[in-house]
Amino acid sequence: MPDTVRRLIVIVLFEGVDLLDVTGPPEVFSLALRETEEAAGYQVLLAAETLDPVTTGAGVRILPDITFARAAEGTIDTLIVPGTVEFDEERRVHPLVDPQLVEWVRVLAGRTHRITSVCVGAHLLAAAGLLDGKRATTHWSTAQQLAADHPAVEVDADPIFIREGNVWTGAGISACLDLSLALIADDLGEAVALRVARQLVMYLKRPSGQSQFSVPLEQVSTTRRIEDLRHHILRHIGEPLTVVDLAAYAHVSDRHLTRLFKTELGTTPHAYIESVRVEKARHELESSDATLERVATLCGFGTTDTLVRAFRRRLNTTPTEYRRRFRVPQVR
């Protein structure tokens, strides 16, 4: 193992592993390297029992970089344990927990500063005894089984990810991206994580001292109801979006919706929607020649006057000035 690596990340591979669990985190960490001009010091290695190709659940074959035995000889900064499931005859989901793999996870965890699981990988951590006495999450479809199989674990199926000391657990498959961003924020600060989030077109906590042209991103939500609302807003950002509409979509009262936004995102529904509209408008201004009238329509502002007022309020500039400074030249 190279001694010069500042942040060595080892991802556990095994037959049938979920592909995105394996490929998602390296992409996020590679963006952190790019954003910091390699200063982040991340090196990602894929580890398996042997160096033979591993076939993922998606049928894609992946080559390991290192064996478990070799990885266990050095010190690991972050261990990422993905998972996989199988279905019985009644289409019920069951996480796969191989005893030999569990033992390797236990061994590698003993050489690791920070232990993480993605999706149903939490079942492997729990089987290794690494979640005893801790609060943890996993994919909603296996949460009850995790609680039943491991009563010493406090299972919470609602959060996207949970941190308990040096152990982090993530929920659904795509939550590996949120978890990776949180790890980057923990290592390098939220400013770097925000830049990476912007490259991924994701949303992360906004730092208190944002610069004039900071991306207006909001706090990570921890409940799936709010996440669902956020995705709904993104899908319909060009349409009128009212508190009444959102409350009806979420099957809650107007007042309860406002409380949810204040609790989870630290803002009001109206302010959040405006921040998303401004973010989409920024992207249009940076990457297209659309007129301001067209941008206002696409982003749900309705009129250019509303667009201009939102930019002045959020970014202290005008859309025209923003485009002049940040327009990305088109490659011919």
Protein backbone atom coordinates (compact mmCIF):
# COMPACT_ATOMS: atom_id res chain seq x y z
CA MET A 1 0.00 0.00 0.00
CA PRO A 2 1.45 3.41 -0.93
CA ASP A 3 2.45 5.38 2.15
CA THR A 4 2.16 8.72 0.37
CA VAL A 5 -1.62 8.49 -0.10
CA ARG A 6 -3.29 10.99 2.21
CA ARG A 7 -6.85 9.72 1.85
CA LEU A 8 -7.08 6.12 0.71
CA ILE A 9 -10.63 4.98 -0.04
CA VAL A 10 -11.29 1.26 -0.39
CA ILE A 11 -14.56 0.04 -1.91
CA VAL A 12 -15.54 -3.56 -1.23
CA LEU A 13 -16.35 -5.68 -4.31
CA PHE A 14 -18.17 -9.01 -4.46
CA GLU A 15 -20.29 -10.94 -6.94
CA GLY A 16 -23.66 -9.33 -7.63
CA VAL A 17 -22.80 -6.00 -5.96
CA ASP A 18 -24.96 -3.03 -6.99
CA LEU A 19 -23.11 -1.22 -9.76
CA LEU A 20 -23.97 2.37 -8.78
CA ASP A 21 -22.88 1.70 -5.20
CA VAL A 22 -19.42 0.97 -6.61
CA THR A 23 -19.12 3.55 -9.40
CA GLY A 24 -20.95 6.52 -7.83
CA PRO A 25 -18.53 7.40 -5.01
CA PRO A 26 -15.35 7.34 -7.17
CA GLU A 27 -16.95 9.81 -9.56
CA VAL A 28 -17.73 12.20 -6.71
CA PHE A 29 -14.24 11.91 -5.22
CA SER A 30 -12.66 12.42 -8.65
CA LEU A 31 -14.56 15.70 -8.98
CA ALA A 32 -13.18 16.74 -5.59
CA LEU A 33 -9.68 16.07 -6.90
CA ARG A 34 -10.40 18.20 -9.95
CA GLU A 35 -11.90 21.02 -7.90
CA THR A 36 -8.86 21.08 -5.60
CA GLU A 37 -6.23 20.47 -8.31
CA GLU A 38 -5.39 17.08 -6.72
CA ALA A 39 -4.94 18.61 -3.26
CA ALA A 40 -7.82 16.51 -1.88
CA GLY A 41 -5.42 13.57 -1.92
CA TYR A 42 -8.06 10.93 -2.64
CA GLN A 43 -7.12 7.57 -4.10
CA VAL A 44 -9.89 5.04 -4.66
CA LEU A 45 -9.11 1.33 -4.82
CA LEU A 46 -11.57 -1.47 -5.52
CA ALA A 47 -10.88 -4.49 -3.32
CA ALA A 48 -12.13 -8.06 -3.67
CA GLU A 49 -11.19 -11.48 -2.36
CA THR A 50 -9.19 -12.18 -5.54
CA LEU A 51 -8.11 -10.12 -8.54
CA ASP A 52 -10.54 -11.97 -10.82
CA PRO A 53 -13.22 -9.87 -12.54
CA VAL A 54 -16.34 -9.28 -10.43
CA THR A 55 -19.75 -9.34 -12.13
CA THR A 56 -22.10 -6.71 -10.69
CA GLY A 57 -25.85 -7.04 -10.35
CA ALA A 58 -26.19 -5.05 -13.58
CA GLY A 59 -24.09 -7.62 -15.44
CA VAL A 60 -21.13 -5.26 -15.84
CA ARG A 61 -17.79 -6.81 -14.97
CA ILE A 62 -15.31 -4.84 -12.86
CA LEU A 63 -11.63 -5.52 -12.23
CA PRO A 64 -10.46 -5.20 -8.62
CA ASP A 65 -7.34 -3.15 -7.93
CA ILE A 66 -6.30 -5.05 -4.84
CA THR A 67 -7.22 -8.07 -2.73
CA PHE A 68 -8.79 -7.87 0.69
CA ALA A 69 -5.67 -9.42 2.19
CA ARG A 70 -3.43 -6.79 0.59
CA ALA A 71 -5.73 -3.95 1.65
CA ALA A 72 -5.66 -5.22 5.23
CA GLU A 73 -1.88 -4.78 5.35
CA GLY A 74 -2.10 -0.98 5.37
CA THR A 75 -4.16 1.83 6.84
CA ILE A 76 -7.39 2.81 5.13
CA ASP A 77 -8.91 6.27 5.47
CA THR A 78 -12.43 5.36 4.31
CA LEU A 79 -13.97 1.94 3.77
CA ILE A 80 -17.10 1.90 1.59
CA VAL A 81 -19.24 -1.22 1.85
CA PRO A 82 -21.93 -1.55 -0.83
CA GLY A 83 -24.58 -4.24 -0.92
CA THR A 84 -26.93 -6.27 -3.05
CA VAL A 85 -30.26 -8.04 -2.71
CA GLU A 86 -32.07 -11.07 -4.04
CA PHE A 87 -35.78 -11.71 -4.51
CA ASP A 88 -37.69 -14.75 -3.33
CA GLU A 89 -40.57 -16.42 -5.19
CA GLU A 90 -42.99 -13.84 -3.85
CA ARG A 91 -40.75 -10.97 -5.02
CA ARG A 92 -39.77 -10.06 -1.47
CA VAL A 93 -36.39 -8.39 -1.11
CA HIS A 94 -33.61 -9.99 0.93
CA PRO A 95 -30.12 -8.52 1.36
CA LEU A 96 -27.30 -10.92 0.64
CA VAL A 97 -24.96 -11.38 3.59
CA ASP A 98 -22.09 -13.76 2.90
CA PRO A 99 -20.31 -14.85 6.13
CA GLN A 100 -16.86 -14.83 4.53
CA LEU A 101 -17.43 -11.33 3.17
CA VAL A 102 -18.65 -10.20 6.59
CA GLU A 103 -15.41 -11.43 8.15
CA TRP A 104 -13.34 -9.49 5.61
CA VAL A 105 -15.41 -6.35 6.31
CA ARG A 106 -14.69 -6.80 10.02
CA VAL A 107 -10.96 -7.17 9.33
CA LEU A 108 -10.80 -4.17 6.99
CA ALA A 109 -12.83 -2.03 9.39
CA GLY A 110 -10.15 -2.65 12.00
CA ARG A 111 -7.65 -0.93 9.69
CA THR A 112 -9.97 1.97 8.80
CA HIS A 113 -10.45 5.50 10.17
CA ARG A 114 -13.94 5.95 8.69
CA ILE A 115 -16.38 3.13 7.91
CA THR A 116 -19.33 3.64 5.56
CA SER A 117 -22.07 1.58 3.99
CA VAL A 118 -24.22 2.31 0.98
CA CYS A 119 -27.80 1.10 0.68
CA VAL A 120 -28.13 -2.51 1.89
CA GLY A 121 -24.41 -2.62 2.66
CA ALA A 122 -25.56 -1.71 6.18
CA HIS A 123 -26.56 -5.35 6.63
CA LEU A 124 -22.91 -6.34 6.15
CA LEU A 125 -21.76 -3.78 8.72
CA ALA A 126 -24.42 -4.97 11.14
CA ALA A 127 -23.46 -8.63 10.66
CA ALA A 128 -19.87 -7.65 11.42
CA GLY A 129 -20.99 -6.07 14.69
CA LEU A 130 -20.00 -2.59 13.55
CA LEU A 131 -23.44 -1.04 14.09
CA ASP A 132 -24.19 -2.39 17.57
CA GLY A 133 -25.42 0.40 19.83
CA LYS A 134 -25.55 2.80 16.89
CA ARG A 135 -28.28 4.49 14.89
CA ALA A 136 -28.17 3.47 11.23
CA THR A 137 -30.13 3.61 8.00
CA THR A 138 -30.45 1.42 4.93
CA HIS A 139 -32.72 1.07 1.93
CA TRP A 140 -36.34 1.40 3.05
CA SER A 141 -37.22 -2.02 1.61
CA THR A 142 -34.87 -3.86 4.00
CA ALA A 143 -35.06 -1.61 7.07
CA GLN A 144 -37.49 -3.83 8.95
CA GLN A 145 -35.32 -6.87 8.29
CA LEU A 146 -32.22 -5.03 9.50
CA ALA A 147 -34.01 -4.14 12.73
CA ALA A 148 -35.30 -7.69 13.18
CA ASP A 149 -31.96 -9.36 12.46
CA HIS A 150 -29.92 -6.93 14.58
CA PRO A 151 -31.87 -5.67 17.61
CA ALA A 152 -28.73 -3.97 18.96
CA VAL A 153 -28.92 -1.53 16.02
CA GLU A 154 -31.28 1.47 16.17
CA VAL A 155 -32.64 1.42 12.62
CA ASP A 156 -34.08 4.64 11.20
CA ALA A 157 -35.40 4.15 7.67
CA ASP A 158 -36.13 7.82 7.01
CA PRO A 159 -32.77 9.67 6.74
CA ILE A 160 -30.73 9.73 3.56
CA PHE A 161 -27.62 9.07 5.61
CA ILE A 162 -26.63 8.89 9.26
CA ARG A 163 -23.30 9.56 10.95
CA GLU A 164 -22.51 7.89 14.27
CA GLY A 165 -18.94 8.65 15.27
CA ASN A 166 -16.69 7.20 12.58
CA VAL A 167 -19.47 5.05 11.08
CA TRP A 168 -21.68 6.41 8.31
CA THR A 169 -24.63 4.59 6.74
CA GLY A 170 -26.47 5.62 3.57
CA ALA A 171 -30.00 4.83 2.40
CA GLY A 172 -31.04 4.14 -1.20
CA ILE A 173 -28.62 3.47 -4.04
CA SER A 174 -28.47 7.07 -5.28
CA ALA A 175 -27.81 8.21 -1.70
CA CYS A 176 -24.20 7.10 -2.28
CA LEU A 177 -23.75 10.48 -3.99
CA ASP A 178 -25.16 12.40 -1.02
CA LEU A 179 -23.02 10.36 1.35
CA SER A 180 -19.88 10.96 -0.72
CA LEU A 181 -20.57 14.70 -0.74
CA ALA A 182 -20.96 14.64 3.04
CA LEU A 183 -17.62 12.83 3.37
CA ILE A 184 -15.96 15.46 1.19
CA ALA A 185 -17.49 18.22 3.31
CA ASP A 186 -16.15 16.45 6.40
CA ASP A 187 -12.66 16.25 4.88
CA LEU A 188 -12.31 19.47 2.91
CA GLY A 189 -15.06 21.78 4.09
CA GLU A 190 -18.42 22.68 2.65
CA ALA A 191 -17.05 25.12 0.07
CA VAL A 192 -15.38 22.28 -1.84
CA ALA A 193 -18.39 20.02 -1.39
CA LEU A 194 -20.64 22.75 -2.79
CA ARG A 195 -18.48 23.05 -5.90
CA VAL A 196 -18.61 19.30 -6.41
CA ALA A 197 -22.38 19.31 -5.81
CA ARG A 198 -22.76 21.93 -8.50
CA GLN A 199 -20.88 19.73 -10.99
CA LEU A 200 -23.25 16.90 -10.09
CA VAL A 201 -26.30 19.21 -10.27
CA MET A 202 -27.07 18.31 -6.67
CA TYR A 203 -28.02 20.29 -3.60
CA LEU A 204 -26.04 20.68 -0.43
CA LYS A 205 -25.93 22.94 2.61
CA ARG A 206 -25.14 26.56 1.83
CA PRO A 207 -22.27 28.01 3.92
CA SER A 208 -23.09 31.10 5.96
CA GLY A 209 -20.43 33.25 4.33
CA GLN A 210 -21.22 32.66 0.68
CA SER A 211 -19.54 34.83 -1.96
CA GLN A 212 -21.47 37.12 -4.26
CA PHE A 213 -21.86 34.52 -6.98
CA SER A 214 -22.15 31.43 -4.81
CA VAL A 215 -24.54 28.77 -5.99
CA PRO A 216 -27.73 29.23 -3.95
CA LEU A 217 -27.91 25.67 -2.66
CA GLU A 218 -29.87 24.64 0.39
CA GLN A 219 -29.38 22.34 3.33
CA VAL A 220 -29.43 18.60 2.74
CA SER A 221 -32.85 17.23 3.67
CA THR A 222 -32.97 14.16 5.85
CA THR A 223 -36.46 12.82 5.07
CA ARG A 224 -37.71 11.19 1.92
CA ARG A 225 -40.90 13.28 1.93
CA ILE A 226 -38.88 16.46 1.51
CA GLU A 227 -36.58 14.80 -1.02
CA ASP A 228 -39.64 13.78 -3.03
CA LEU A 229 -40.92 17.36 -2.89
CA ARG A 230 -37.57 18.71 -4.03
CA HIS A 231 -37.55 16.39 -7.04
CA HIS A 232 -41.15 17.38 -7.79
CA ILE A 233 -40.15 21.04 -7.72
CA LEU A 234 -37.22 20.40 -10.06
CA ARG A 235 -39.42 18.50 -12.51
CA HIS A 236 -42.02 21.27 -12.58
CA ILE A 237 -39.85 24.35 -12.06
CA GLY A 238 -41.17 26.01 -15.23
CA GLU A 239 -44.73 25.88 -13.88
CA PRO A 240 -46.50 27.97 -11.22
CA LEU A 241 -45.74 26.32 -7.86
CA THR A 242 -47.72 27.39 -4.84
CA VAL A 243 -47.73 26.24 -1.24
CA VAL A 244 -51.23 24.91 -1.82
CA ASP A 245 -50.04 22.83 -4.79
CA LEU A 246 -47.06 21.41 -2.92
CA ALA A 247 -49.10 20.64 0.18
CA ALA A 248 -51.63 18.75 -1.91
CA TYR A 249 -48.83 16.80 -3.62
CA ALA A 250 -47.33 15.87 -0.23
CA HIS A 251 -50.74 15.15 1.34
CA VAL A 252 -50.19 17.59 4.20
CA SER A 253 -51.71 20.90 5.23
CA ASP A 254 -50.26 24.23 4.07
CA ARG A 255 -49.04 25.02 7.59
CA HIS A 256 -47.46 21.59 8.02
CA LEU A 257 -45.65 21.94 4.68
CA THR A 258 -44.19 25.28 5.77
CA ARG A 259 -43.04 23.73 9.05
CA LEU A 260 -41.40 20.86 7.16
CA PHE A 261 -39.43 23.26 4.96
CA LYS A 262 -38.36 25.38 7.91
CA THR A 263 -37.27 22.31 9.89
CA GLU A 264 -35.56 20.38 7.08
CA LEU A 265 -34.25 23.12 4.80
CA GLY A 266 -34.16 26.16 7.06
CA THR A 267 -36.25 28.20 4.65
CA THR A 268 -39.80 28.72 3.39
CA PRO A 269 -41.31 26.91 0.39
CA HIS A 270 -41.47 30.20 -1.55
CA ALA A 271 -37.81 31.03 -0.88
CA TYR A 272 -36.72 27.51 -1.75
CA ILE A 273 -38.61 27.53 -5.05
CA GLU A 274 -37.08 30.89 -5.93
CA SER A 275 -33.58 29.58 -5.20
CA VAL A 276 -34.17 26.64 -7.55
CA ARG A 277 -35.53 28.93 -10.24
CA VAL A 278 -32.46 31.17 -9.94
CA GLU A 279 -30.16 28.15 -10.13
CA LYS A 280 -31.82 26.91 -13.31
CA ALA A 281 -31.70 30.44 -14.76
CA ARG A 282 -27.98 30.63 -13.98
CA HIS A 283 -27.44 27.42 -15.92
CA GLU A 284 -29.43 28.72 -18.90
CA LEU A 285 -27.52 32.00 -18.91
CA GLU A 286 -24.18 30.21 -18.70
CA SER A 287 -24.87 27.62 -21.37
CA SER A 288 -27.43 28.94 -23.86
CA ASP A 289 -28.29 31.94 -26.02
CA ALA A 290 -31.91 31.97 -24.87
CA THR A 291 -33.42 35.42 -24.50
CA LEU A 292 -34.21 36.71 -21.02
CA GLU A 293 -37.90 36.31 -21.83
CA ARG A 294 -37.29 32.65 -22.71
CA VAL A 295 -35.18 32.08 -19.58
CA ALA A 296 -37.88 33.65 -17.41
CA THR A 297 -40.48 31.34 -18.94
CA LEU A 298 -38.36 28.17 -18.70
CA CYS A 299 -37.57 28.83 -15.06
CA GLY A 300 -41.08 29.71 -13.98
CA PHE A 301 -40.51 33.41 -13.30
CA GLY A 302 -43.18 34.41 -15.78
CA THR A 303 -41.73 37.84 -16.60
CA THR A 304 -38.26 39.27 -17.05
CA ASP A 305 -38.97 41.79 -14.31
CA THR A 306 -39.49 38.96 -11.82
CA LEU A 307 -36.31 37.27 -13.08
CA VAL A 308 -34.30 40.48 -12.65
CA ARG A 309 -35.64 41.10 -9.14
CA ALA A 310 -34.78 37.54 -8.08
CA PHE A 311 -31.21 37.90 -9.42
CA ARG A 312 -30.73 41.19 -7.62
CA ARG A 313 -32.08 39.72 -4.41
CA ARG A 314 -30.12 36.46 -4.58
CA LEU A 315 -26.92 37.37 -6.43
CA ASN A 316 -26.78 41.17 -6.28
CA THR A 317 -26.49 41.42 -10.05
CA THR A 318 -28.67 41.33 -13.16
CA PRO A 319 -29.17 38.38 -15.51
CA THR A 320 -27.50 40.32 -18.33
CA GLU A 321 -24.41 41.10 -16.26
CA TYR A 322 -24.29 37.52 -14.97
CA ARG A 323 -24.34 36.15 -18.52
CA ARG A 324 -21.63 38.58 -19.61
CA ARG A 325 -19.31 37.39 -16.83
CA PHE A 326 -20.09 33.67 -16.77
CA ARG A 327 -21.21 32.66 -20.27
CA VAL A 328 -19.42 29.48 -21.34
CA PRO A 329 -18.15 29.80 -24.95
CA GLN A 330 -19.65 27.22 -27.30
CA VAL A 331 -17.18 24.84 -28.95
CA ARG A 332 -17.60 24.92 -32.73
